[in-house]
Amino acid sequence: MTVALGATAARSLTGKTVTISRAREAPLTLADGGGCWVTVHPSFLPRIPEEDHRREERTRSRRRPQAHSGASRRTCPLGR
């Protein structure tokens, strides 16, 4: 299992532009068959100006990934 911390990391692993809000719903399946969870980069959290939004994002980033069946994974080939 791989964890991509931020959109840049996700893009380097998938070869595609990744929207974190959509990608964090379920793990991506990489070209090698491994799973990849996408979440915000930790440096993003202190830069959120609204305290309630910052708290919400911190809570989301601390959640453990839920087990998903293989059917719910989305495939992303490595763009190399």
N, C-alpha and C. Protein backbone atom coordinates (compact mmCIF):
# COMPACT_ATOMS: atom_id res chain seq x y z
N MET A 1 0.85 -1.17 0.00
CA MET A 1 0.00 0.00 0.00
C MET A 1 0.89 1.23 0.00
N THR A 2 0.56 2.17 -0.85
CA THR A 2 1.28 3.43 -0.98
C THR A 2 0.36 4.56 -0.53
N VAL A 3 0.94 5.58 0.10
CA VAL A 3 0.18 6.77 0.46
C VAL A 3 0.83 7.95 -0.25
N ALA A 4 0.04 8.66 -1.04
CA ALA A 4 0.50 9.86 -1.73
C ALA A 4 0.10 11.07 -0.91
N LEU A 5 1.09 11.81 -0.43
CA LEU A 5 0.82 13.00 0.38
C LEU A 5 0.78 14.23 -0.53
N GLY A 6 -0.40 14.51 -1.04
CA GLY A 6 -0.58 15.68 -1.89
C GLY A 6 -0.74 15.34 -3.36
N ALA A 7 -1.21 16.34 -4.10
CA ALA A 7 -1.50 16.16 -5.53
C ALA A 7 -0.24 15.91 -6.34
N THR A 8 0.86 16.54 -5.98
CA THR A 8 2.10 16.34 -6.73
C THR A 8 2.58 14.89 -6.61
N ALA A 9 2.52 14.34 -5.41
CA ALA A 9 2.92 12.94 -5.21
C ALA A 9 1.99 12.00 -5.97
N ALA A 10 0.70 12.28 -5.91
CA ALA A 10 -0.27 11.44 -6.62
C ALA A 10 -0.03 11.50 -8.12
N ARG A 11 0.25 12.69 -8.64
CA ARG A 11 0.51 12.83 -10.07
C ARG A 11 1.77 12.08 -10.48
N SER A 12 2.79 12.09 -9.63
CA SER A 12 4.02 11.38 -9.98
C SER A 12 3.83 9.87 -9.98
N LEU A 13 2.92 9.38 -9.14
CA LEU A 13 2.65 7.94 -9.09
C LEU A 13 1.70 7.46 -10.18
N THR A 14 0.77 8.33 -10.58
CA THR A 14 -0.27 7.91 -11.54
C THR A 14 -0.04 8.41 -12.96
N GLY A 15 0.74 9.48 -13.09
CA GLY A 15 0.93 10.08 -14.40
C GLY A 15 -0.25 10.93 -14.84
N LYS A 16 -1.19 11.17 -13.94
CA LYS A 16 -2.38 11.96 -14.24
C LYS A 16 -2.57 13.03 -13.17
N THR A 17 -3.30 14.09 -13.55
CA THR A 17 -3.70 15.08 -12.57
C THR A 17 -4.74 14.45 -11.66
N VAL A 18 -4.54 14.57 -10.36
CA VAL A 18 -5.43 13.94 -9.39
C VAL A 18 -6.08 15.02 -8.53
N THR A 19 -7.38 14.94 -8.37
CA THR A 19 -8.10 15.82 -7.47
C THR A 19 -8.21 15.11 -6.12
N ILE A 20 -7.60 15.69 -5.10
CA ILE A 20 -7.54 15.03 -3.80
C ILE A 20 -8.93 14.74 -3.24
N SER A 21 -9.85 15.67 -3.36
CA SER A 21 -11.19 15.45 -2.80
C SER A 21 -11.86 14.23 -3.41
N ARG A 22 -11.62 13.96 -4.68
CA ARG A 22 -12.18 12.76 -5.32
C ARG A 22 -11.33 11.52 -5.04
N ALA A 23 -10.03 11.69 -5.07
CA ALA A 23 -9.12 10.54 -4.94
C ALA A 23 -9.11 9.97 -3.53
N ARG A 24 -9.46 10.75 -2.52
CA ARG A 24 -9.42 10.21 -1.16
C ARG A 24 -10.63 9.36 -0.83
N GLU A 25 -11.59 9.24 -1.75
CA GLU A 25 -12.78 8.42 -1.52
C GLU A 25 -12.49 6.93 -1.49
N ALA A 26 -11.54 6.49 -2.29
CA ALA A 26 -11.19 5.06 -2.40
C ALA A 26 -9.77 4.97 -2.90
N PRO A 27 -9.08 3.87 -2.61
CA PRO A 27 -7.70 3.74 -3.08
C PRO A 27 -7.65 3.61 -4.59
N LEU A 28 -6.60 4.14 -5.17
CA LEU A 28 -6.33 3.97 -6.59
C LEU A 28 -5.56 2.66 -6.75
N THR A 29 -5.70 2.01 -7.87
CA THR A 29 -4.89 0.84 -8.17
C THR A 29 -3.80 1.27 -9.14
N LEU A 30 -2.56 1.09 -8.73
CA LEU A 30 -1.43 1.46 -9.56
C LEU A 30 -1.17 0.39 -10.62
N ALA A 31 -0.35 0.72 -11.60
CA ALA A 31 -0.07 -0.19 -12.70
C ALA A 31 0.51 -1.52 -12.22
N ASP A 32 1.23 -1.51 -11.10
CA ASP A 32 1.82 -2.76 -10.59
C ASP A 32 0.83 -3.56 -9.75
N GLY A 33 -0.42 -3.08 -9.65
CA GLY A 33 -1.45 -3.78 -8.88
C GLY A 33 -1.56 -3.34 -7.44
N GLY A 34 -0.62 -2.53 -6.97
CA GLY A 34 -0.65 -2.05 -5.60
C GLY A 34 -1.70 -0.97 -5.41
N GLY A 35 -2.09 -0.77 -4.16
CA GLY A 35 -3.06 0.26 -3.84
C GLY A 35 -2.38 1.56 -3.47
N CYS A 36 -3.06 2.67 -3.71
CA CYS A 36 -2.52 3.99 -3.39
C CYS A 36 -3.61 4.87 -2.81
N TRP A 37 -3.46 5.24 -1.55
CA TRP A 37 -4.36 6.20 -0.92
C TRP A 37 -3.81 7.59 -1.14
N VAL A 38 -4.68 8.53 -1.42
CA VAL A 38 -4.27 9.92 -1.64
C VAL A 38 -4.87 10.78 -0.54
N THR A 39 -4.04 11.64 0.03
CA THR A 39 -4.51 12.57 1.05
C THR A 39 -3.75 13.89 0.90
N VAL A 40 -4.13 14.89 1.66
CA VAL A 40 -3.45 16.18 1.57
C VAL A 40 -2.04 16.07 2.13
N HIS A 41 -1.16 16.94 1.64
CA HIS A 41 0.18 17.02 2.19
C HIS A 41 0.08 17.74 3.54
N PRO A 42 0.81 17.28 4.56
CA PRO A 42 0.71 17.89 5.89
C PRO A 42 0.99 19.40 5.91
N SER A 43 1.82 19.89 4.99
CA SER A 43 2.12 21.33 4.98
C SER A 43 0.93 22.17 4.53
N PHE A 44 -0.06 21.54 3.93
CA PHE A 44 -1.27 22.25 3.50
C PHE A 44 -2.13 22.66 4.70
N LEU A 45 -2.16 21.84 5.72
CA LEU A 45 -3.08 22.05 6.85
C LEU A 45 -2.90 23.40 7.56
N PRO A 46 -1.68 23.80 7.94
CA PRO A 46 -1.56 25.08 8.65
C PRO A 46 -1.85 26.30 7.77
N ARG A 47 -1.89 26.11 6.45
CA ARG A 47 -2.13 27.24 5.55
C ARG A 47 -3.61 27.49 5.28
N ILE A 48 -4.49 26.66 5.82
CA ILE A 48 -5.93 26.87 5.65
C ILE A 48 -6.35 28.02 6.56
N PRO A 49 -6.88 29.11 5.98
CA PRO A 49 -7.17 30.29 6.81
C PRO A 49 -8.31 30.13 7.82
N GLU A 50 -9.36 29.39 7.45
CA GLU A 50 -10.50 29.25 8.35
C GLU A 50 -10.26 28.12 9.35
N GLU A 51 -10.40 28.43 10.63
CA GLU A 51 -10.12 27.45 11.69
C GLU A 51 -11.02 26.22 11.58
N ASP A 52 -12.31 26.40 11.30
CA ASP A 52 -13.21 25.24 11.23
C ASP A 52 -12.87 24.34 10.04
N HIS A 53 -12.49 24.94 8.92
CA HIS A 53 -12.08 24.15 7.75
C HIS A 53 -10.76 23.43 8.04
N ARG A 54 -9.83 24.11 8.70
CA ARG A 54 -8.55 23.50 9.06
C ARG A 54 -8.77 22.30 9.98
N ARG A 55 -9.66 22.45 10.96
CA ARG A 55 -9.96 21.36 11.89
C ARG A 55 -10.57 20.17 11.14
N GLU A 56 -11.49 20.46 10.22
CA GLU A 56 -12.13 19.41 9.43
C GLU A 56 -11.10 18.64 8.59
N GLU A 57 -10.19 19.37 7.95
CA GLU A 57 -9.15 18.71 7.13
C GLU A 57 -8.20 17.89 7.99
N ARG A 58 -7.86 18.39 9.17
CA ARG A 58 -7.00 17.61 10.07
C ARG A 58 -7.68 16.30 10.45
N THR A 59 -8.96 16.37 10.75
CA THR A 59 -9.71 15.16 11.10
C THR A 59 -9.72 14.18 9.93
N ARG A 60 -9.99 14.68 8.74
CA ARG A 60 -9.98 13.81 7.55
C ARG A 60 -8.62 13.16 7.33
N SER A 61 -7.55 13.93 7.52
CA SER A 61 -6.22 13.39 7.25
C SER A 61 -5.79 12.35 8.29
N ARG A 62 -6.42 12.35 9.45
CA ARG A 62 -6.08 11.38 10.50
C ARG A 62 -6.89 10.09 10.41
N ARG A 63 -7.96 10.09 9.61
CA ARG A 63 -8.78 8.89 9.50
C ARG A 63 -7.99 7.75 8.87
N ARG A 64 -8.21 6.58 9.39
CA ARG A 64 -7.60 5.39 8.79
C ARG A 64 -8.37 5.01 7.55
N PRO A 65 -7.66 4.61 6.50
CA PRO A 65 -8.36 4.16 5.29
C PRO A 65 -9.25 2.96 5.60
N GLN A 66 -10.43 2.94 5.03
CA GLN A 66 -11.34 1.82 5.19
C GLN A 66 -11.01 0.76 4.16
N ALA A 67 -11.25 -0.48 4.51
CA ALA A 67 -11.02 -1.57 3.55
C ALA A 67 -12.07 -1.47 2.45
N HIS A 68 -11.62 -1.53 1.24
CA HIS A 68 -12.51 -1.48 0.08
C HIS A 68 -12.29 -2.74 -0.75
N SER A 69 -13.34 -3.18 -1.36
CA SER A 69 -13.19 -4.34 -2.25
C SER A 69 -12.45 -3.90 -3.49
N GLY A 70 -11.85 -4.83 -4.20
CA GLY A 70 -11.14 -4.53 -5.43
C GLY A 70 -12.02 -3.85 -6.45
N ALA A 71 -13.32 -4.10 -6.40
CA ALA A 71 -14.25 -3.52 -7.37
C ALA A 71 -14.37 -2.02 -7.22
N SER A 72 -14.09 -1.50 -6.03
CA SER A 72 -14.24 -0.06 -5.84
C SER A 72 -12.96 0.72 -6.16
N ARG A 73 -11.91 0.04 -6.49
CA ARG A 73 -10.66 0.72 -6.82
C ARG A 73 -10.70 1.26 -8.24
N ARG A 74 -10.01 2.36 -8.43
CA ARG A 74 -9.89 2.92 -9.77
C ARG A 74 -8.47 2.68 -10.25
N THR A 75 -8.31 2.31 -11.49
CA THR A 75 -7.00 2.00 -12.03
C THR A 75 -6.35 3.25 -12.61
N CYS A 76 -5.08 3.47 -12.24
CA CYS A 76 -4.30 4.57 -12.78
C CYS A 76 -2.95 4.01 -13.23
N PRO A 77 -2.69 4.03 -14.52
CA PRO A 77 -1.39 3.54 -15.00
C PRO A 77 -0.28 4.50 -14.67
N LEU A 78 0.90 3.99 -14.51
CA LEU A 78 2.06 4.85 -14.32
C LEU A 78 2.34 5.52 -15.65
N GLY A 79 2.49 6.80 -15.66
CA GLY A 79 2.69 7.54 -16.90
C GLY A 79 4.15 7.73 -17.24
N ARG A 80 4.90 6.66 -17.27
CA ARG A 80 6.34 6.76 -17.55
C ARG A 80 6.68 6.25 -18.91
